[in-house]
Amino acid sequence: MISGTSKKVFLIGILMILASASVQYMKPTKKLASPIPAWRLEKIVPTQFGDWKMAPTFIGIVNPVISAEENKLYGQILTRNYQNSHGTLIMLTIAYGGSQSKELQVHHPETCYAANGFQMQKVHQDTLVTTFGSLPVKRLFAVREDRKEPITYWVRVGDEAVVGMEVKLAQLRYGLTGEVPDGMLVRVSSISPDAQGAYPVHDDFIRKMLSAMSKEDRAHLVGHFEGQSS
C-alpha cells in the first residue's frame, strides 16, 4: 500500500514532468498581483494586539535576506519584535514577493538559517487552528552554539497558505495555468531552549495578530481559508 507521503512525492514528480514538457508552449506570464501593491506591511500588521506590543529592543533577528541578490526576491520586508506583559519576546519577520515564479520564489527559513550557521533540529509540520480556519505551519528548532531558536512559519502562494511539499505543488499548479502568483513568507520565532514550550506561545501570538486584522489585510498573510465567512 502506498503511503500518503509517497503519493504526494509521486504527484509532485508527475507535475514537474508535465511542467517541464509544457515549458516551450506555456510559460507563465500573467501576474496575479501588482509589482507595487497599494498596501504596505508596516500599515496592515498592527503594532499592538491582545497582550502583545511592539518592543523597541533589538535582540538579533536573523533576516531571511542574506545577500543583495536575494533581496531582489522581495518587494517588502517587515521585521519587528513584540513583547507581552510577562516579558516574553517574539520576533516577527514577513517577506512579500510580487512574483513566485521558478526564478523568483520565497527562500524558506531552513535555507536562510543554515546559511547563517544554524543547524535545523526537530523539523515537522503542524496545523494551527484559528477562529478563521486551520493554518498549516512548519516548526523548526534552529541551533547555533548557545543560541536556540524555535521557529513557526508558513508560506502564502497566491490565495492559499502552504508548507512543505504543498508549496511546490501550489507553484506548479499556477505555472500550468500560465499564471504567476505572488507570495508571502511569515515567520515567528523566539529565543528558548524549550521548543515544545515555545510553540504554544507562537500560536497565541499568531492567533491574536490575525484576529486584530481586517479580513482584507489578513488575506495578504494567509490567503483565504476554505469555507471562510469572516
Protein backbone atom coordinates (compact mmCIF):
# COMPACT_ATOMS: atom_id res chain seq x y z
CA MET A 1 0.00 0.00 0.00
CA ILE A 2 1.35 3.42 -0.95
CA SER A 3 1.53 5.89 1.95
CA GLY A 4 0.09 9.41 1.79
CA THR A 5 3.58 10.89 1.70
CA SER A 6 4.63 8.60 -1.16
CA LYS A 7 1.54 9.62 -3.12
CA LYS A 8 2.45 13.30 -2.69
CA VAL A 9 6.02 12.68 -3.82
CA PHE A 10 4.72 10.77 -6.85
CA LEU A 11 2.25 13.56 -7.68
CA ILE A 12 4.95 16.22 -7.43
CA GLY A 13 7.13 14.17 -9.78
CA ILE A 14 4.33 13.88 -12.33
CA LEU A 15 3.53 17.59 -12.14
CA MET A 16 7.20 18.52 -12.55
CA ILE A 17 7.43 16.33 -15.66
CA LEU A 18 4.28 17.92 -17.09
CA ALA A 19 5.53 21.40 -16.26
CA SER A 20 8.89 20.73 -17.93
CA ALA A 21 7.22 19.26 -21.01
CA SER A 22 4.95 22.29 -21.39
CA VAL A 23 7.66 24.92 -20.90
CA GLN A 24 8.08 25.54 -24.61
CA TYR A 25 4.37 26.07 -25.09
CA MET A 26 3.15 27.75 -21.91
CA LYS A 27 5.48 29.98 -19.94
CA PRO A 28 3.72 31.71 -17.01
CA THR A 29 3.31 35.38 -17.87
CA LYS A 30 0.10 36.57 -16.22
CA LYS A 31 0.96 38.06 -12.83
CA LEU A 32 -1.81 37.91 -10.25
CA ALA A 33 -0.53 40.89 -8.26
CA SER A 34 0.76 44.36 -8.99
CA PRO A 35 4.56 44.66 -8.64
CA ILE A 36 3.92 47.64 -6.34
CA PRO A 37 0.86 46.82 -4.21
CA ALA A 38 -1.21 49.62 -2.68
CA TRP A 39 -0.99 48.02 0.77
CA ARG A 40 2.13 48.15 2.94
CA LEU A 41 3.14 45.57 5.54
CA GLU A 42 4.00 48.17 8.16
CA LYS A 43 0.47 49.54 7.85
CA ILE A 44 -1.59 46.34 7.79
CA VAL A 45 0.26 44.50 10.59
CA PRO A 46 -0.82 46.01 13.95
CA THR A 47 1.79 47.15 16.45
CA GLN A 48 -0.38 46.03 19.38
CA PHE A 49 -2.88 43.19 19.79
CA GLY A 50 -4.07 41.23 22.80
CA ASP A 51 -1.27 41.24 25.36
CA TRP A 52 1.39 41.85 22.71
CA LYS A 53 3.05 45.20 21.99
CA MET A 54 5.83 46.08 19.58
CA ALA A 55 9.12 46.21 21.51
CA PRO A 56 11.85 48.76 20.70
CA THR A 57 14.72 46.46 21.68
CA PHE A 58 16.66 44.57 19.01
CA ILE A 59 17.79 41.10 20.04
CA GLY A 60 19.33 39.76 16.86
CA ILE A 61 16.68 38.88 14.32
CA VAL A 62 18.09 36.67 11.60
CA ASN A 63 16.86 38.38 8.45
CA PRO A 64 15.78 35.98 5.69
CA VAL A 65 17.51 38.18 3.13
CA ILE A 66 21.21 37.41 3.38
CA SER A 67 22.54 38.90 0.14
CA ALA A 68 21.89 41.69 -2.33
CA GLU A 69 20.90 39.08 -4.91
CA GLU A 70 18.29 37.53 -2.63
CA ASN A 71 16.99 41.00 -1.81
CA LYS A 72 15.56 41.07 -5.34
CA LEU A 73 13.15 38.33 -4.27
CA TYR A 74 11.16 40.58 -2.01
CA GLY A 75 9.14 43.71 -2.68
CA GLN A 76 8.51 44.30 1.03
CA ILE A 77 10.14 43.06 4.25
CA LEU A 78 8.88 43.70 7.78
CA THR A 79 10.87 42.76 10.88
CA ARG A 80 9.60 43.54 14.37
CA ASN A 81 9.99 42.45 17.97
CA TYR A 82 6.93 42.08 20.21
CA GLN A 83 6.71 41.59 23.97
CA ASN A 84 3.87 40.63 26.29
CA SER A 85 3.24 41.60 29.92
CA HIS A 86 5.23 38.56 31.10
CA GLY A 87 8.34 39.81 29.31
CA THR A 88 8.19 37.12 26.61
CA LEU A 89 9.76 38.28 23.34
CA ILE A 90 8.61 37.26 19.88
CA MET A 91 10.43 38.04 16.61
CA LEU A 92 8.23 38.55 13.56
CA THR A 93 9.56 38.60 10.00
CA ILE A 94 7.30 38.91 6.96
CA ALA A 95 8.69 38.93 3.42
CA TYR A 96 6.49 39.62 0.40
CA GLY A 97 7.32 38.85 -3.22
CA GLY A 98 5.12 40.02 -6.09
CA SER A 99 6.15 37.01 -8.15
CA GLN A 100 6.51 33.37 -7.16
CA SER A 101 7.79 32.03 -10.46
CA LYS A 102 10.57 29.47 -10.73
CA GLU A 103 13.14 32.24 -10.97
CA LEU A 104 11.68 34.30 -8.13
CA GLN A 105 10.33 32.39 -5.16
CA VAL A 106 10.48 32.70 -1.38
CA HIS A 107 13.50 31.33 0.46
CA HIS A 108 12.46 29.18 3.38
CA PRO A 109 13.98 29.55 6.87
CA GLU A 110 15.66 26.15 6.57
CA THR A 111 17.90 27.57 3.84
CA CYS A 112 18.36 31.04 5.30
CA TYR A 113 19.21 29.91 8.81
CA ALA A 114 21.60 27.23 7.54
CA ALA A 115 23.40 29.93 5.54
CA ASN A 116 23.82 31.80 8.83
CA GLY A 117 25.47 28.81 10.51
CA PHE A 118 22.43 27.25 12.20
CA GLN A 119 21.63 23.56 12.40
CA MET A 120 17.99 22.57 11.89
CA GLN A 121 16.59 20.21 14.52
CA LYS A 122 13.11 18.82 15.27
CA VAL A 123 11.61 19.87 11.93
CA HIS A 124 7.94 18.98 11.48
CA GLN A 125 4.68 20.23 10.01
CA ASP A 126 1.73 21.17 12.17
CA THR A 127 -1.74 22.70 12.00
CA LEU A 128 -2.61 25.90 13.84
CA VAL A 129 -6.35 26.16 14.45
CA THR A 130 -7.60 29.76 14.35
CA THR A 131 -11.02 31.40 14.51
CA PHE A 132 -10.91 31.74 10.74
CA GLY A 133 -9.77 28.27 9.80
CA SER A 134 -6.86 25.82 10.05
CA LEU A 135 -3.48 27.26 9.13
CA PRO A 136 -0.75 24.84 8.00
CA VAL A 137 2.58 25.72 9.62
CA LYS A 138 6.09 24.34 9.80
CA ARG A 139 8.02 24.12 13.07
CA LEU A 140 11.81 24.34 13.22
CA PHE A 141 14.33 24.38 16.03
CA ALA A 142 17.41 26.30 14.88
CA VAL A 143 20.59 25.90 16.94
CA ARG A 144 23.88 27.79 16.65
CA GLU A 145 26.30 27.50 19.57
CA ASP A 146 24.34 28.66 22.64
CA ARG A 147 21.52 30.31 20.67
CA LYS A 148 18.41 28.14 20.41
CA GLU A 149 15.54 29.49 18.34
CA PRO A 150 12.16 27.76 17.92
CA ILE A 151 10.54 28.88 14.66
CA THR A 152 7.00 28.70 13.29
CA TYR A 153 6.34 29.74 9.71
CA TRP A 154 4.12 29.38 6.68
CA VAL A 155 4.12 30.50 3.06
CA ARG A 156 1.24 32.04 1.15
CA VAL A 157 1.33 31.23 -2.56
CA GLY A 158 -1.40 33.06 -4.43
CA ASP A 159 -4.60 32.55 -2.46
CA GLU A 160 -3.54 29.74 -0.13
CA ALA A 161 -1.27 29.16 2.84
CA VAL A 162 1.00 26.15 2.35
CA VAL A 163 4.09 24.47 3.81
CA GLY A 164 6.39 21.63 2.87
CA MET A 165 5.76 19.87 -0.46
CA GLU A 166 2.48 21.79 -0.86
CA VAL A 167 4.49 24.94 -1.67
CA LYS A 168 5.94 23.33 -4.79
CA LEU A 169 2.57 21.82 -5.71
CA ALA A 170 0.90 25.25 -5.48
CA GLN A 171 3.62 26.86 -7.61
CA LEU A 172 3.30 24.10 -10.22
CA ARG A 173 -0.50 24.39 -10.33
CA TYR A 174 -0.24 28.10 -11.08
CA GLY A 175 2.56 27.51 -13.58
CA LEU A 176 0.47 25.06 -15.56
CA THR A 177 -2.30 27.66 -15.93
CA GLY A 178 0.12 30.33 -17.16
CA GLU A 179 -0.31 32.45 -14.02
CA VAL A 180 2.47 33.85 -11.81
CA PRO A 181 1.26 34.09 -8.19
CA ASP A 182 2.55 36.48 -5.57
CA GLY A 183 3.75 35.09 -2.25
CA MET A 184 4.35 35.81 1.40
CA LEU A 185 6.65 34.23 3.98
CA VAL A 186 5.50 34.76 7.59
CA ARG A 187 7.95 33.70 10.30
CA VAL A 188 7.52 33.86 14.07
CA SER A 189 10.38 32.88 16.39
CA SER A 190 11.72 33.26 19.90
CA ILE A 191 14.87 32.52 21.88
CA SER A 192 14.31 29.47 24.07
CA PRO A 193 15.87 26.04 24.72
CA ASP A 194 12.34 24.62 25.10
CA ALA A 195 10.86 24.33 21.61
CA GLN A 196 7.71 22.49 22.70
CA GLY A 197 7.03 25.16 25.30
CA ALA A 198 7.63 27.97 22.79
CA TYR A 199 5.26 26.81 20.04
CA PRO A 200 2.03 27.43 22.04
CA VAL A 201 3.28 30.98 22.68
CA HIS A 202 3.87 31.39 18.93
CA ASP A 203 0.34 30.15 18.29
CA ASP A 204 -1.14 32.64 20.76
CA PHE A 205 0.78 35.46 19.10
CA ILE A 206 -0.34 34.43 15.60
CA ARG A 207 -3.99 33.98 16.55
CA LYS A 208 -4.19 37.39 18.21
CA MET A 209 -2.34 39.10 15.37
CA LEU A 210 -4.72 37.65 12.77
CA SER A 211 -7.76 38.50 14.90
CA ALA A 212 -6.66 42.13 15.14
CA MET A 213 -6.51 42.48 11.35
CA SER A 214 -9.32 43.19 8.91
CA LYS A 215 -10.42 40.35 6.62
CA GLU A 216 -8.77 42.04 3.64
CA ASP A 217 -5.47 42.65 5.45
CA ARG A 218 -5.47 39.16 6.95
CA ALA A 219 -5.83 37.64 3.49
CA HIS A 220 -2.47 39.16 2.49
CA LEU A 221 -0.84 36.95 5.15
CA VAL A 222 -2.84 33.73 4.99
CA GLY A 223 -4.92 33.82 1.81
CA HIS A 224 -8.47 32.54 2.16
CA PHE A 225 -9.39 29.53 4.23
CA GLU A 226 -11.82 27.03 2.72
CA GLY A 227 -15.38 27.96 3.67
CA GLN A 228 -14.20 31.20 5.32
CA SER A 229 -17.05 33.58 6.04
CA SER A 230 -15.46 36.17 8.34
